[in-house]
Amino acid sequence: MAKLMNIGFGNMVNTDKIVCIVSSDSAPAKRMVQKGKEQENLIDATQGRRTKSVIFTENNKIILSALQPETLAGRFNGNATEVYDDTKE
């Protein structure tokens, strides 16, 4: 059974398909996002907010999130003690 992770604003992603989660600030991440736009492999889940994380999946989809990579990693690892309000980002 697939485990879904909230990536902000009620958007979910299948954790079995995630390859990596990176900060959107690096030049290589920015290049990959641009390439994803050109190839129509990009899913924008930021709800108009600033992109802070880029999620790469095993089926070559690129997902943008307005949450910090550390927040997503905590959710990925099942950190149940983490309390986070994604409406502030």
C-alpha atoms as a PDB file:
ATOM      1  CA  MET A   1       0.000   0.000   0.000  1.00  0.00           C
ATOM      2  CA  ALA A   2       1.346   3.414  -0.982  1.00  0.00           C
ATOM      3  CA  LYS A   3       2.234   5.874   1.764  1.00  0.00           C
ATOM      4  CA  LEU A   4       1.374   9.471   0.915  1.00  0.00           C
ATOM      5  CA  MET A   5       3.234  12.472   2.304  1.00  0.00           C
ATOM      6  CA  ASN A   6       1.768  15.969   2.554  1.00  0.00           C
ATOM      7  CA  ILE A   7       4.023  18.375   0.643  1.00  0.00           C
ATOM      8  CA  GLY A   8       2.004  21.439   1.572  1.00  0.00           C
ATOM      9  CA  PHE A   9      -1.483  22.837   1.093  1.00  0.00           C
ATOM     10  CA  GLY A  10      -3.102  19.398   1.016  1.00  0.00           C
ATOM     11  CA  ASN A  11      -0.962  18.141  -1.871  1.00  0.00           C
ATOM     12  CA  MET A  12       0.320  14.588  -1.499  1.00  0.00           C
ATOM     13  CA  VAL A  13       3.099  12.551  -3.064  1.00  0.00           C
ATOM     14  CA  ASN A  14       3.763   8.802  -2.972  1.00  0.00           C
ATOM     15  CA  THR A  15       6.833   8.297  -0.758  1.00  0.00           C
ATOM     16  CA  ASP A  16       7.752   5.085  -2.613  1.00  0.00           C
ATOM     17  CA  LYS A  17       8.470   7.126  -5.751  1.00  0.00           C
ATOM     18  CA  ILE A  18      10.668   9.860  -4.209  1.00  0.00           C
ATOM     19  CA  VAL A  19      14.325   9.742  -5.253  1.00  0.00           C
ATOM     20  CA  CYS A  20      15.478  12.936  -3.532  1.00  0.00           C
ATOM     21  CA  ILE A  21      14.382  16.240  -2.023  1.00  0.00           C
ATOM     22  CA  VAL A  22      16.678  19.216  -2.606  1.00  0.00           C
ATOM     23  CA  SER A  23      16.706  22.932  -1.875  1.00  0.00           C
ATOM     24  CA  SER A  24      15.537  25.078  -4.747  1.00  0.00           C
ATOM     25  CA  ASP A  25      18.398  27.569  -4.241  1.00  0.00           C
ATOM     26  CA  SER A  26      21.133  25.631  -6.030  1.00  0.00           C
ATOM     27  CA  ALA A  27      21.956  26.309  -9.665  1.00  0.00           C
ATOM     28  CA  PRO A  28      21.644  22.621 -10.688  1.00  0.00           C
ATOM     29  CA  ALA A  29      18.147  22.457  -9.147  1.00  0.00           C
ATOM     30  CA  LYS A  30      17.140  25.616 -11.008  1.00  0.00           C
ATOM     31  CA  ARG A  31      18.421  24.119 -14.280  1.00  0.00           C
ATOM     32  CA  MET A  32      16.492  20.900 -13.675  1.00  0.00           C
ATOM     33  CA  VAL A  33      13.306  22.855 -12.925  1.00  0.00           C
ATOM     34  CA  GLN A  34      13.704  24.813 -16.165  1.00  0.00           C
ATOM     35  CA  LYS A  35      14.315  21.577 -18.073  1.00  0.00           C
ATOM     36  CA  GLY A  36      11.217  20.071 -16.414  1.00  0.00           C
ATOM     37  CA  LYS A  37       9.124  23.027 -17.586  1.00  0.00           C
ATOM     38  CA  GLU A  38      10.375  22.599 -21.134  1.00  0.00           C
ATOM     39  CA  GLN A  39       9.706  18.841 -21.139  1.00  0.00           C
ATOM     40  CA  GLU A  40       6.369  19.220 -19.299  1.00  0.00           C
ATOM     41  CA  ASN A  41       7.543  16.987 -16.417  1.00  0.00           C
ATOM     42  CA  LEU A  42       6.973  19.657 -13.776  1.00  0.00           C
ATOM     43  CA  ILE A  43       4.260  19.641 -11.122  1.00  0.00           C
ATOM     44  CA  ASP A  44       3.905  22.934  -9.225  1.00  0.00           C
ATOM     45  CA  ALA A  45       2.420  22.309  -5.761  1.00  0.00           C
ATOM     46  CA  THR A  46       3.410  25.689  -4.296  1.00  0.00           C
ATOM     47  CA  GLN A  47      -0.040  27.332  -4.550  1.00  0.00           C
ATOM     48  CA  GLY A  48       1.676  30.510  -5.772  1.00  0.00           C
ATOM     49  CA  ARG A  49       4.182  30.620  -2.910  1.00  0.00           C
ATOM     50  CA  ARG A  50       7.958  30.763  -3.239  1.00  0.00           C
ATOM     51  CA  THR A  51       9.497  27.402  -4.164  1.00  0.00           C
ATOM     52  CA  LYS A  52      11.729  26.116  -1.361  1.00  0.00           C
ATOM     53  CA  SER A  53      12.047  22.419  -2.243  1.00  0.00           C
ATOM     54  CA  VAL A  54      12.328  20.403  -5.403  1.00  0.00           C
ATOM     55  CA  ILE A  55      11.252  16.753  -5.251  1.00  0.00           C
ATOM     56  CA  PHE A  56      12.550  14.352  -7.868  1.00  0.00           C
ATOM     57  CA  THR A  57      10.659  11.114  -8.474  1.00  0.00           C
ATOM     58  CA  GLU A  58      11.739   7.833 -10.056  1.00  0.00           C
ATOM     59  CA  ASN A  59       9.428   8.391 -13.039  1.00  0.00           C
ATOM     60  CA  ASN A  60      11.293  11.632 -13.914  1.00  0.00           C
ATOM     61  CA  LYS A  61       8.644  13.990 -12.555  1.00  0.00           C
ATOM     62  CA  ILE A  62       9.802  17.144 -10.781  1.00  0.00           C
ATOM     63  CA  ILE A  63       7.550  18.458  -8.022  1.00  0.00           C
ATOM     64  CA  LEU A  64       7.873  21.940  -6.524  1.00  0.00           C
ATOM     65  CA  SER A  65       6.943  22.551  -2.896  1.00  0.00           C
ATOM     66  CA  ALA A  66       6.747  25.701  -0.770  1.00  0.00           C
ATOM     67  CA  LEU A  67       7.980  23.771   2.280  1.00  0.00           C
ATOM     68  CA  GLN A  68      11.589  23.539   3.450  1.00  0.00           C
ATOM     69  CA  PRO A  69      13.505  20.349   2.537  1.00  0.00           C
ATOM     70  CA  GLU A  70      14.048  19.693   6.265  1.00  0.00           C
ATOM     71  CA  THR A  71      10.292  19.783   6.888  1.00  0.00           C
ATOM     72  CA  LEU A  72       9.640  17.351   4.046  1.00  0.00           C
ATOM     73  CA  ALA A  73      12.440  15.060   5.243  1.00  0.00           C
ATOM     74  CA  GLY A  74      10.865  14.989   8.706  1.00  0.00           C
ATOM     75  CA  ARG A  75       7.534  14.035   7.194  1.00  0.00           C
ATOM     76  CA  PHE A  76       9.185  11.440   4.962  1.00  0.00           C
ATOM     77  CA  ASN A  77      10.881   9.846   7.967  1.00  0.00           C
ATOM     78  CA  GLY A  78       7.619   9.802   9.915  1.00  0.00           C
ATOM     79  CA  ASN A  79       8.584  12.361  12.528  1.00  0.00           C
ATOM     80  CA  ALA A  80       5.267  12.349  14.392  1.00  0.00           C
ATOM     81  CA  THR A  81       6.406  14.974  16.901  1.00  0.00           C
ATOM     82  CA  GLU A  82       6.826  17.620  14.219  1.00  0.00           C
ATOM     83  CA  VAL A  83       4.151  20.288  14.291  1.00  0.00           C
ATOM     84  CA  TYR A  84       4.147  22.506  11.233  1.00  0.00           C
ATOM     85  CA  ASP A  85       1.747  25.119   9.896  1.00  0.00           C
ATOM     86  CA  ASP A  86       2.274  25.251   6.136  1.00  0.00           C
ATOM     87  CA  THR A  87       0.044  28.309   5.728  1.00  0.00           C
ATOM     88  CA  LYS A  88       2.845  30.555   7.040  1.00  0.00           C
ATOM     89  CA  GLU A  89       5.283  29.773   4.221  1.00  0.00           C
END
